[in-house]
Amino acid sequence: MRVDRYSGQHSISAPTAIAHFEAAVFNVAAHQPHAGEELARALEVEPDFPAAHALKGFAGVTLARSETIEAARRDYAVARRALGLRGGTASEIALVEALACAVAGRLLDASARLDAHLVEAPDDFLALKLSYALRFMSGDSNGMLRTTSSVLGAWSPSMPGYGFVLGCHAFGLEETGHFGVAERFGRRAVAAEPSDSWGLHAVGHVCEMQGRADEGAAWLETSRPTWSACNNFSYHMAWHLALFYLAQGRIADALDLYDREVRPTETDDFRDVANAVSFLVRLRHEGIDVGGRWDGLAALARKRATDTTYVFGSLHHLLTLSSIGDIEGAGRLTSALGTRARPHVGDQSNVAEFVGLPLARTILATLQGRRDGNSLGEIARRLHTVGGSNAQRDIFLRTLAMIAAEEGRRDDLVAVLKVQRGFRIDERFERLVYSRLAAHDKSAA
């Protein structure tokens, strides 16, 4: 058995393959762009490398498109076969068994399997990072924090990956509202591991949630050399910076940053799409013309209208279709969410039924000039289950609040804003929606 520098146990013994795998794990942790290349090199040296095949499969799961899930299933089959050749270590068995759950759409079960392994091996960094990522996709912020809290005592500054662990812990603290301690852990993470863009990200989130736009913008501008070297996570960090610019009233600067760094290319990654859509919807709510910036997003939304692999991604496509007035496309996507909700196969079926479909029907009804009967406050209270961060889901709360205001639904507006106030301060947006409510009331008088 060989143990890599991040405490992963391997049944293979080729040092070169393990070195490439360690590099892949670092790239995953640091959100840098070479993880796939390093895994390919590891598999060239050792084709029957269980952990490498498993990590490749998890990458497909987190991309959350129908074709990437199919690829992940193939990776799982290869990983399982490779595991059978030598019996496997505890690390390898946990990874492959968790991947089996993940490709079946049971992300929380996959996390639970990895967490069970962490009880015995709390220093297995990859197991921690993957469990954490799957809980993040599932909107389980309490689970994220529980996972990092359970292993933190086993880590010390001398261990490779220590700063990344602190960064994960910081973000879990932020997502559960522990802003002061989250900021401290985030700053410690970056000091311990300068490549930790996730720790940088956690501190940025704290600034955003507390309405500290000037400090947040300065933090991200100062740390640009780190996060600009990331993979598409750099687009997300640029998105955060653009939101700080909007909060500062720097609309032209925000639009320029959007074009250069938030959406520099028309990618089909749901995370990149979410950045773009949520930025443009914010401007739409404020009556700002964004020109042809919806065009590429509209093409992707129509292409993905029936791919409901990940409800969070589907709902962003729905916001695109709603924003451009595509009633037919929005209807197709809403119907697809209804289909996803019925079989009760995997976590996303439950998410579609619990919150995705009610939200979609509400947005579609508004687009059609109808008033939907769903409680907007109840939808808002359920939104955390769609996954992503509080900052990302905020666009759905804003959409619900705008619907409530423009339809004169005062009680619903109060309920939605109560949910929003639970994690962030945004007095500017509250003034905007109450002005829309006042305009509705005046026109109805």
Protein backbone atom coordinates (compact mmCIF):
# COMPACT_ATOMS: atom_id res chain seq x y z
CA MET A 1 0.00 0.00 0.00
CA ARG A 2 1.19 3.52 -0.83
CA VAL A 3 -0.01 6.68 0.95
CA ASP A 4 0.01 9.95 -0.98
CA ARG A 5 0.88 13.33 0.49
CA TYR A 6 -2.82 14.02 1.18
CA SER A 7 -3.16 10.77 3.17
CA GLY A 8 -5.01 8.87 0.46
CA GLN A 9 -4.26 5.13 0.52
CA HIS A 10 -3.54 3.35 -2.77
CA SER A 11 -3.24 -0.26 -3.79
CA ILE A 12 -1.00 0.68 -6.71
CA SER A 13 2.68 1.34 -6.18
CA ALA A 14 3.88 3.34 -9.22
CA PRO A 15 5.45 6.51 -7.75
CA THR A 16 5.03 8.52 -10.96
CA ALA A 17 1.33 7.72 -11.17
CA ILE A 18 0.82 8.71 -7.54
CA ALA A 19 2.75 11.95 -8.08
CA HIS A 20 0.43 12.89 -10.96
CA PHE A 21 -2.57 11.99 -8.82
CA GLU A 22 -1.31 14.24 -6.01
CA ALA A 23 -0.99 17.04 -8.55
CA ALA A 24 -4.58 16.41 -9.66
CA VAL A 25 -5.80 16.60 -6.06
CA PHE A 26 -3.94 19.90 -5.58
CA ASN A 27 -5.52 21.29 -8.74
CA VAL A 28 -8.98 20.28 -7.49
CA ALA A 29 -8.34 21.89 -4.11
CA ALA A 30 -6.90 25.08 -5.59
CA HIS A 31 -9.47 25.30 -8.44
CA GLN A 32 -6.62 25.29 -10.93
CA PRO A 33 -7.05 24.09 -14.51
CA HIS A 34 -4.82 21.04 -14.83
CA ALA A 35 -6.59 18.34 -12.80
CA GLY A 36 -7.81 16.52 -15.90
CA GLU A 37 -4.36 16.55 -17.50
CA GLU A 38 -2.76 15.20 -14.33
CA LEU A 39 -5.33 12.41 -14.04
CA ALA A 40 -4.73 11.47 -17.68
CA ARG A 41 -0.99 11.26 -17.02
CA ALA A 42 -1.56 9.14 -13.91
CA LEU A 43 -3.71 6.73 -15.91
CA GLU A 44 -1.16 6.54 -18.69
CA VAL A 45 1.34 5.25 -16.16
CA GLU A 46 -1.13 3.08 -14.23
CA PRO A 47 -4.31 2.27 -16.22
CA ASP A 48 -5.80 0.35 -13.27
CA PHE A 49 -5.65 3.25 -10.80
CA PRO A 50 -8.92 3.06 -8.79
CA ALA A 51 -8.73 6.49 -7.17
CA ALA A 52 -7.85 8.23 -10.45
CA HIS A 53 -10.84 6.68 -12.22
CA ALA A 54 -13.06 7.57 -9.26
CA LEU A 55 -11.91 11.19 -9.16
CA LYS A 56 -12.52 11.44 -12.90
CA GLY A 57 -16.03 10.13 -12.30
CA PHE A 58 -16.71 12.64 -9.56
CA ALA A 59 -15.65 15.41 -11.95
CA GLY A 60 -18.37 14.24 -14.32
CA VAL A 61 -20.92 14.18 -11.51
CA THR A 62 -20.13 17.76 -10.48
CA LEU A 63 -20.49 19.02 -14.06
CA ALA A 64 -24.11 17.86 -13.76
CA ARG A 65 -25.13 17.49 -17.40
CA SER A 66 -26.75 14.39 -18.84
CA GLU A 67 -23.72 13.50 -20.93
CA THR A 68 -21.23 14.06 -18.10
CA ILE A 69 -23.26 11.80 -15.80
CA GLU A 70 -23.13 9.09 -18.48
CA ALA A 71 -19.36 9.51 -18.67
CA ALA A 72 -19.17 9.32 -14.87
CA ARG A 73 -21.06 6.02 -14.94
CA ARG A 74 -18.45 4.64 -17.31
CA ASP A 75 -15.69 5.89 -15.02
CA TYR A 76 -17.38 4.17 -12.11
CA ALA A 77 -17.50 0.85 -13.99
CA VAL A 78 -13.78 1.10 -14.75
CA ALA A 79 -12.96 2.12 -11.16
CA ARG A 80 -14.94 -0.80 -9.78
CA ARG A 81 -13.12 -3.23 -12.09
CA ALA A 82 -9.74 -1.74 -11.11
CA LEU A 83 -10.69 -2.04 -7.46
CA GLY A 84 -11.42 -5.72 -7.91
CA LEU A 85 -7.92 -6.43 -9.21
CA ARG A 86 -6.25 -5.87 -5.83
CA GLY A 87 -9.06 -5.74 -3.31
CA GLY A 88 -8.57 -2.04 -2.65
CA THR A 89 -7.61 0.10 0.32
CA ALA A 90 -10.08 1.80 2.66
CA SER A 91 -9.63 5.06 0.74
CA GLU A 92 -10.26 3.43 -2.63
CA ILE A 93 -13.27 1.46 -1.44
CA ALA A 94 -14.84 4.59 0.04
CA LEU A 95 -14.29 6.57 -3.17
CA VAL A 96 -15.70 3.90 -5.45
CA GLU A 97 -18.70 3.13 -3.24
CA ALA A 98 -19.46 6.83 -2.91
CA LEU A 99 -19.20 7.24 -6.67
CA ALA A 100 -21.74 4.43 -7.10
CA CYS A 101 -24.21 6.51 -5.09
CA ALA A 102 -23.32 9.73 -6.90
CA VAL A 103 -23.83 8.38 -10.44
CA ALA A 104 -27.21 7.05 -9.29
CA GLY A 105 -28.18 10.59 -8.33
CA ARG A 106 -27.85 10.04 -4.58
CA LEU A 107 -25.37 12.77 -3.75
CA LEU A 108 -26.15 12.91 -0.04
CA ASP A 109 -25.72 9.15 0.28
CA ALA A 110 -22.36 9.54 -1.46
CA SER A 111 -21.37 12.19 1.07
CA ALA A 112 -22.48 9.97 3.93
CA ARG A 113 -20.28 7.13 2.64
CA LEU A 114 -17.27 9.44 2.47
CA ASP A 115 -18.03 10.84 5.92
CA ALA A 116 -18.13 7.31 7.33
CA HIS A 117 -14.63 6.79 5.95
CA LEU A 118 -13.49 10.09 7.49
CA VAL A 119 -14.43 8.78 10.95
CA GLU A 120 -11.56 6.31 10.57
CA ALA A 121 -9.32 8.49 8.38
CA PRO A 122 -10.02 12.17 9.19
CA ASP A 123 -6.82 13.21 7.39
CA ASP A 124 -7.94 11.81 4.00
CA PHE A 125 -8.17 15.16 2.24
CA LEU A 126 -9.74 14.00 -1.02
CA ALA A 127 -12.57 12.21 0.78
CA LEU A 128 -13.22 15.40 2.75
CA LYS A 129 -13.15 17.64 -0.33
CA LEU A 130 -15.51 15.40 -2.30
CA SER A 131 -17.99 14.97 0.54
CA TYR A 132 -17.98 18.73 1.02
CA ALA A 133 -18.49 19.42 -2.70
CA LEU A 134 -21.44 17.05 -2.93
CA ARG A 135 -23.09 18.61 0.11
CA PHE A 136 -22.54 22.04 -1.44
CA MET A 137 -24.32 20.90 -4.61
CA SER A 138 -27.14 19.59 -2.43
CA GLY A 139 -27.59 22.80 -0.45
CA ASP A 140 -26.58 21.04 2.78
CA SER A 141 -24.65 23.85 4.44
CA ASN A 142 -25.12 22.35 7.90
CA GLY A 143 -23.68 19.09 6.59
CA MET A 144 -20.71 20.92 5.08
CA LEU A 145 -19.91 22.50 8.42
CA ARG A 146 -20.51 19.24 10.29
CA THR A 147 -18.06 17.42 8.02
CA THR A 148 -15.24 19.94 8.42
CA SER A 149 -15.87 20.33 12.16
CA SER A 150 -15.60 16.57 12.65
CA VAL A 151 -12.10 16.35 11.14
CA LEU A 152 -10.54 19.70 12.03
CA GLY A 153 -8.95 18.42 15.23
CA ALA A 154 -6.96 15.84 13.27
CA TRP A 155 -5.26 18.49 11.13
CA SER A 156 -2.20 20.61 11.88
CA PRO A 157 -0.33 23.35 9.97
CA SER A 158 2.44 20.92 9.00
CA MET A 159 0.06 18.70 6.97
CA PRO A 160 -0.30 19.20 3.20
CA GLY A 161 -3.78 20.51 2.50
CA TYR A 162 -4.22 22.16 5.90
CA GLY A 163 -4.99 25.60 4.44
CA PHE A 164 -7.54 24.11 2.06
CA VAL A 165 -9.30 22.43 5.00
CA LEU A 166 -9.46 25.76 6.82
CA GLY A 167 -10.93 27.36 3.68
CA CYS A 168 -13.65 24.71 3.47
CA HIS A 169 -14.44 25.21 7.14
CA ALA A 170 -14.60 28.97 6.66
CA PHE A 171 -17.14 28.72 3.88
CA GLY A 172 -19.34 26.32 5.85
CA LEU A 173 -19.30 28.79 8.72
CA GLU A 174 -20.25 31.64 6.38
CA GLU A 175 -23.12 29.70 4.81
CA THR A 176 -24.56 28.96 8.25
CA GLY A 177 -24.38 32.59 9.33
CA HIS A 178 -21.29 32.55 11.56
CA PHE A 179 -19.77 35.51 9.77
CA GLY A 180 -17.14 36.70 12.24
CA VAL A 181 -15.51 33.32 12.82
CA ALA A 182 -15.88 32.50 9.11
CA GLU A 183 -13.84 35.55 8.17
CA ARG A 184 -11.14 34.64 10.68
CA PHE A 185 -10.88 31.08 9.36
CA GLY A 186 -10.87 32.33 5.77
CA ARG A 187 -8.00 34.69 6.41
CA ARG A 188 -6.11 31.93 8.24
CA ALA A 189 -6.70 29.63 5.29
CA VAL A 190 -5.19 32.06 2.82
CA ALA A 191 -2.23 32.73 5.11
CA ALA A 192 -1.57 28.98 5.44
CA GLU A 193 -2.16 28.20 1.75
CA PRO A 194 -1.76 31.16 -0.64
CA SER A 195 -3.32 29.11 -3.46
CA ASP A 196 -6.58 28.69 -1.55
CA SER A 197 -9.06 30.60 -3.69
CA TRP A 198 -11.90 28.96 -1.76
CA GLY A 199 -10.68 30.65 1.41
CA LEU A 200 -10.49 33.94 -0.47
CA HIS A 201 -14.00 33.23 -1.68
CA ALA A 202 -15.27 32.63 1.87
CA VAL A 203 -14.03 36.04 3.03
CA GLY A 204 -15.60 37.65 -0.04
CA HIS A 205 -18.91 36.02 0.83
CA VAL A 206 -18.78 37.41 4.35
CA CYS A 207 -18.27 40.92 2.98
CA GLU A 208 -21.16 40.46 0.56
CA MET A 209 -23.56 39.11 3.17
CA GLN A 210 -22.73 41.95 5.55
CA GLY A 211 -23.11 44.65 2.91
CA ARG A 212 -19.40 45.58 3.01
CA ALA A 213 -19.07 46.26 -0.71
CA ASP A 214 -16.01 48.52 -0.51
CA GLU A 215 -14.07 46.03 1.60
CA GLY A 216 -15.21 43.10 -0.52
CA ALA A 217 -14.16 44.76 -3.76
CA ALA A 218 -10.77 45.66 -2.30
CA TRP A 219 -10.28 42.08 -1.02
CA LEU A 220 -10.97 40.58 -4.42
CA GLU A 221 -8.97 43.15 -6.35
CA THR A 222 -5.96 42.63 -4.09
CA SER A 223 -6.17 38.84 -4.43
CA ARG A 224 -6.71 38.88 -8.20
CA PRO A 225 -3.31 37.28 -8.99
CA THR A 226 -4.43 34.16 -7.12
CA TRP A 227 -7.97 33.70 -8.36
CA SER A 228 -7.33 34.84 -11.93
CA ALA A 229 -5.05 31.78 -12.29
CA CYS A 230 -7.95 29.45 -11.49
CA ASN A 231 -10.05 27.38 -13.89
CA ASN A 232 -13.57 28.65 -14.52
CA PHE A 233 -13.74 29.44 -10.81
CA SER A 234 -12.05 32.68 -11.89
CA TYR A 235 -15.30 33.56 -13.66
CA HIS A 236 -17.15 33.07 -10.41
CA MET A 237 -14.72 35.23 -8.45
CA ALA A 238 -15.08 37.92 -11.13
CA TRP A 239 -18.86 37.60 -10.69
CA HIS A 240 -18.51 38.37 -7.00
CA LEU A 241 -16.38 41.39 -7.84
CA ALA A 242 -18.97 42.55 -10.38
CA LEU A 243 -21.68 42.29 -7.70
CA PHE A 244 -19.59 44.49 -5.41
CA TYR A 245 -19.33 47.01 -8.25
CA LEU A 246 -23.12 46.94 -8.65
CA ALA A 247 -23.53 47.54 -4.92
CA GLN A 248 -21.18 50.52 -5.26
CA GLY A 249 -23.27 51.87 -8.13
CA ARG A 250 -20.46 51.28 -10.66
CA ILE A 251 -22.72 49.89 -13.40
CA ALA A 252 -20.37 50.55 -16.32
CA ASP A 253 -17.44 48.93 -14.49
CA ALA A 254 -19.59 45.92 -13.63
CA LEU A 255 -20.70 45.45 -17.25
CA ASP A 256 -17.14 45.77 -18.48
CA LEU A 257 -15.99 43.14 -15.97
CA TYR A 258 -18.88 40.90 -17.03
CA ASP A 259 -17.78 40.98 -20.65
CA ARG A 260 -14.09 40.48 -19.92
CA GLU A 261 -14.08 38.02 -17.01
CA VAL A 262 -17.52 36.81 -15.91
CA ARG A 263 -18.74 35.62 -19.32
CA PRO A 264 -15.72 35.88 -21.65
CA THR A 265 -16.85 32.79 -23.57
CA GLU A 266 -20.18 31.00 -24.11
CA THR A 267 -19.47 27.92 -21.99
CA ASP A 268 -22.11 25.31 -21.15
CA ASP A 269 -21.00 24.81 -17.54
CA PHE A 270 -23.96 25.43 -15.24
CA ARG A 271 -21.75 27.35 -12.83
CA ASP A 272 -20.67 29.79 -15.54
CA VAL A 273 -24.27 30.12 -16.72
CA ALA A 274 -25.43 30.82 -13.16
CA ASN A 275 -22.88 33.62 -12.82
CA ALA A 276 -24.05 35.24 -16.05
CA VAL A 277 -27.79 34.81 -15.60
CA SER A 278 -27.91 36.06 -12.03
CA PHE A 279 -25.87 39.14 -12.96
CA LEU A 280 -28.07 40.03 -15.93
CA VAL A 281 -31.31 39.40 -14.03
CA ARG A 282 -30.18 41.84 -11.34
CA LEU A 283 -29.71 44.50 -14.01
CA ARG A 284 -33.07 43.62 -15.58
CA HIS A 285 -34.76 44.11 -12.21
CA GLU A 286 -33.29 47.61 -12.12
CA GLY A 287 -34.39 48.41 -15.67
CA ILE A 288 -30.87 48.46 -17.13
CA ASP A 289 -30.53 47.48 -20.79
CA VAL A 290 -27.94 44.72 -21.29
CA GLY A 291 -28.05 44.69 -25.09
CA GLY A 292 -27.43 41.34 -26.76
CA ARG A 293 -25.90 39.67 -23.73
CA TRP A 294 -28.88 37.31 -23.40
CA ASP A 295 -28.40 35.81 -26.88
CA GLY A 296 -25.86 33.08 -26.12
CA LEU A 297 -27.52 32.24 -22.83
CA ALA A 298 -30.86 31.90 -24.59
CA ALA A 299 -29.41 29.39 -27.06
CA LEU A 300 -28.03 27.32 -24.18
CA ALA A 301 -31.30 27.52 -22.25
CA ARG A 302 -33.26 26.19 -25.22
CA LYS A 303 -30.66 23.45 -25.76
CA ARG A 304 -30.84 22.38 -22.10
CA ALA A 305 -34.57 22.90 -21.56
CA THR A 306 -35.24 19.18 -21.07
CA ASP A 307 -31.98 18.31 -19.30
CA THR A 308 -33.01 18.50 -15.66
CA THR A 309 -29.97 16.65 -14.31
CA TYR A 310 -29.43 19.42 -11.76
CA VAL A 311 -32.42 21.56 -10.79
CA PHE A 312 -30.24 24.51 -9.75
CA GLY A 313 -28.92 24.72 -13.31
CA SER A 314 -32.36 24.27 -14.85
CA LEU A 315 -33.79 27.13 -12.82
CA HIS A 316 -31.11 29.47 -14.11
CA HIS A 317 -31.99 28.48 -17.67
CA LEU A 318 -35.61 29.23 -16.78
CA LEU A 319 -34.63 32.72 -15.64
CA THR A 320 -33.01 33.26 -19.04
CA LEU A 321 -36.12 32.14 -20.91
CA SER A 322 -38.31 34.28 -18.69
CA SER A 323 -36.07 37.31 -19.14
CA ILE A 324 -36.31 37.14 -22.94
CA GLY A 325 -40.05 36.41 -22.90
CA ASP A 326 -39.80 32.88 -24.34
CA ILE A 327 -43.06 31.42 -23.04
CA GLU A 328 -42.80 28.25 -25.12
CA GLY A 329 -39.26 27.49 -23.94
CA ALA A 330 -40.15 28.24 -20.33
CA GLY A 331 -43.14 25.95 -20.62
CA ARG A 332 -41.00 23.10 -21.98
CA LEU A 333 -38.52 23.47 -19.16
CA THR A 334 -41.27 23.58 -16.54
CA SER A 335 -42.80 20.42 -18.00
CA ALA A 336 -39.39 18.74 -17.88
CA LEU A 337 -39.10 19.59 -14.19
CA GLY A 338 -42.52 18.01 -13.69
CA THR A 339 -41.25 14.85 -15.36
CA ARG A 340 -38.14 14.91 -13.17
CA ALA A 341 -40.29 15.23 -10.04
CA ARG A 342 -42.49 12.20 -10.71
CA PRO A 343 -40.17 9.16 -10.72
CA HIS A 344 -38.58 9.94 -7.31
CA VAL A 345 -35.27 8.60 -8.56
CA GLY A 346 -32.35 10.28 -6.81
CA ASP A 347 -32.07 13.50 -4.86
CA GLN A 348 -32.93 15.78 -7.76
CA SER A 349 -36.39 14.26 -8.19
CA ASN A 350 -37.14 15.30 -4.63
CA VAL A 351 -35.66 18.75 -5.19
CA ALA A 352 -37.75 19.19 -8.33
CA GLU A 353 -40.94 18.25 -6.51
CA PHE A 354 -40.18 20.16 -3.30
CA VAL A 355 -39.06 23.49 -4.73
CA GLY A 356 -37.98 23.41 -8.40
CA LEU A 357 -41.38 22.79 -9.92
CA PRO A 358 -43.31 25.22 -7.67
CA LEU A 359 -40.79 27.97 -8.44
CA ALA A 360 -40.87 27.20 -12.16
CA ARG A 361 -44.66 27.26 -12.25
CA THR A 362 -44.67 30.60 -10.47
CA ILE A 363 -42.18 32.13 -12.92
CA LEU A 364 -44.05 30.66 -15.91
CA ALA A 365 -47.40 31.97 -14.66
CA THR A 366 -45.97 35.46 -14.31
CA LEU A 367 -44.53 35.25 -17.82
CA GLN A 368 -47.99 34.25 -19.10
CA GLY A 369 -49.68 37.12 -17.28
CA ARG A 370 -51.28 34.84 -14.71
CA ARG A 371 -51.06 34.76 -10.93
CA ASP A 372 -49.90 31.44 -9.55
CA GLY A 373 -51.46 30.12 -6.36
CA ASN A 374 -48.22 28.95 -4.70
CA SER A 375 -47.08 30.64 -1.51
CA LEU A 376 -44.01 32.63 -2.50
CA GLY A 377 -42.85 32.69 1.10
CA GLU A 378 -42.99 28.90 1.30
CA ILE A 379 -40.99 28.55 -1.91
CA ALA A 380 -38.42 30.97 -0.48
CA ARG A 381 -38.09 28.92 2.70
CA ARG A 382 -37.40 25.76 0.67
CA LEU A 383 -34.89 27.28 -1.73
CA HIS A 384 -31.77 26.15 0.12
CA THR A 385 -32.40 22.58 -1.08
CA VAL A 386 -31.60 23.46 -4.71
CA GLY A 387 -27.91 23.72 -3.84
CA GLY A 388 -25.27 26.33 -4.43
CA SER A 389 -24.54 29.14 -1.99
CA ASN A 390 -26.73 31.72 -0.32
CA ALA A 391 -25.24 34.31 -2.67
CA GLN A 392 -26.13 32.23 -5.73
CA ARG A 393 -29.66 31.38 -4.59
CA ASP A 394 -30.30 35.02 -3.81
CA ILE A 395 -31.32 35.60 -7.43
CA PHE A 396 -34.30 33.29 -6.94
CA LEU A 397 -35.31 35.20 -3.81
CA ARG A 398 -35.01 38.46 -5.73
CA THR A 399 -37.19 37.05 -8.49
CA LEU A 400 -39.84 35.95 -5.99
CA ALA A 401 -39.73 39.34 -4.28
CA MET A 402 -40.17 41.16 -7.60
CA ILE A 403 -43.13 38.94 -8.50
CA ALA A 404 -44.70 39.61 -5.11
CA ALA A 405 -44.18 43.36 -5.39
CA GLU A 406 -45.42 43.70 -8.95
CA GLU A 407 -48.51 41.60 -8.22
CA GLY A 408 -49.27 43.48 -5.01
CA ARG A 409 -48.72 40.43 -2.79
CA ARG A 410 -47.56 42.26 0.31
CA ASP A 411 -47.63 39.30 2.70
CA ASP A 412 -45.61 37.19 0.27
CA LEU A 413 -43.11 40.02 -0.19
CA VAL A 414 -42.61 40.32 3.56
CA ALA A 415 -42.12 36.55 3.83
CA VAL A 416 -39.57 36.42 1.01
CA LEU A 417 -37.58 39.35 2.37
CA LYS A 418 -37.56 37.71 5.80
CA VAL A 419 -35.78 34.71 4.28
CA GLN A 420 -33.30 36.98 2.51
CA ARG A 421 -32.59 38.94 5.68
CA GLY A 422 -31.70 35.66 7.35
CA PHE A 423 -28.38 35.62 5.54
CA ARG A 424 -27.68 39.02 4.00
CA ILE A 425 -28.16 42.77 4.26
CA ASP A 426 -29.47 44.42 1.09
CA GLU A 427 -31.29 47.63 1.87
CA ARG A 428 -30.90 48.85 -1.70
CA PHE A 429 -32.88 45.90 -3.07
CA GLU A 430 -35.55 46.28 -0.39
CA ARG A 431 -36.08 49.90 -1.41
CA LEU A 432 -36.41 48.78 -5.02
CA VAL A 433 -39.08 46.14 -4.39
CA TYR A 434 -41.08 48.33 -2.05
CA SER A 435 -41.09 51.05 -4.69
CA ARG A 436 -42.52 48.48 -7.14
CA LEU A 437 -45.14 47.49 -4.58
CA ALA A 438 -46.09 51.14 -4.08
CA ALA A 439 -46.38 51.59 -7.85
CA HIS A 440 -48.70 48.57 -8.04
CA ASP A 441 -50.85 49.83 -5.19
CA LYS A 442 -51.12 53.27 -6.77
CA SER A 443 -52.15 51.85 -10.15
CA ALA A 444 -54.71 49.56 -8.50
CA ALA A 445 -56.26 52.38 -6.46
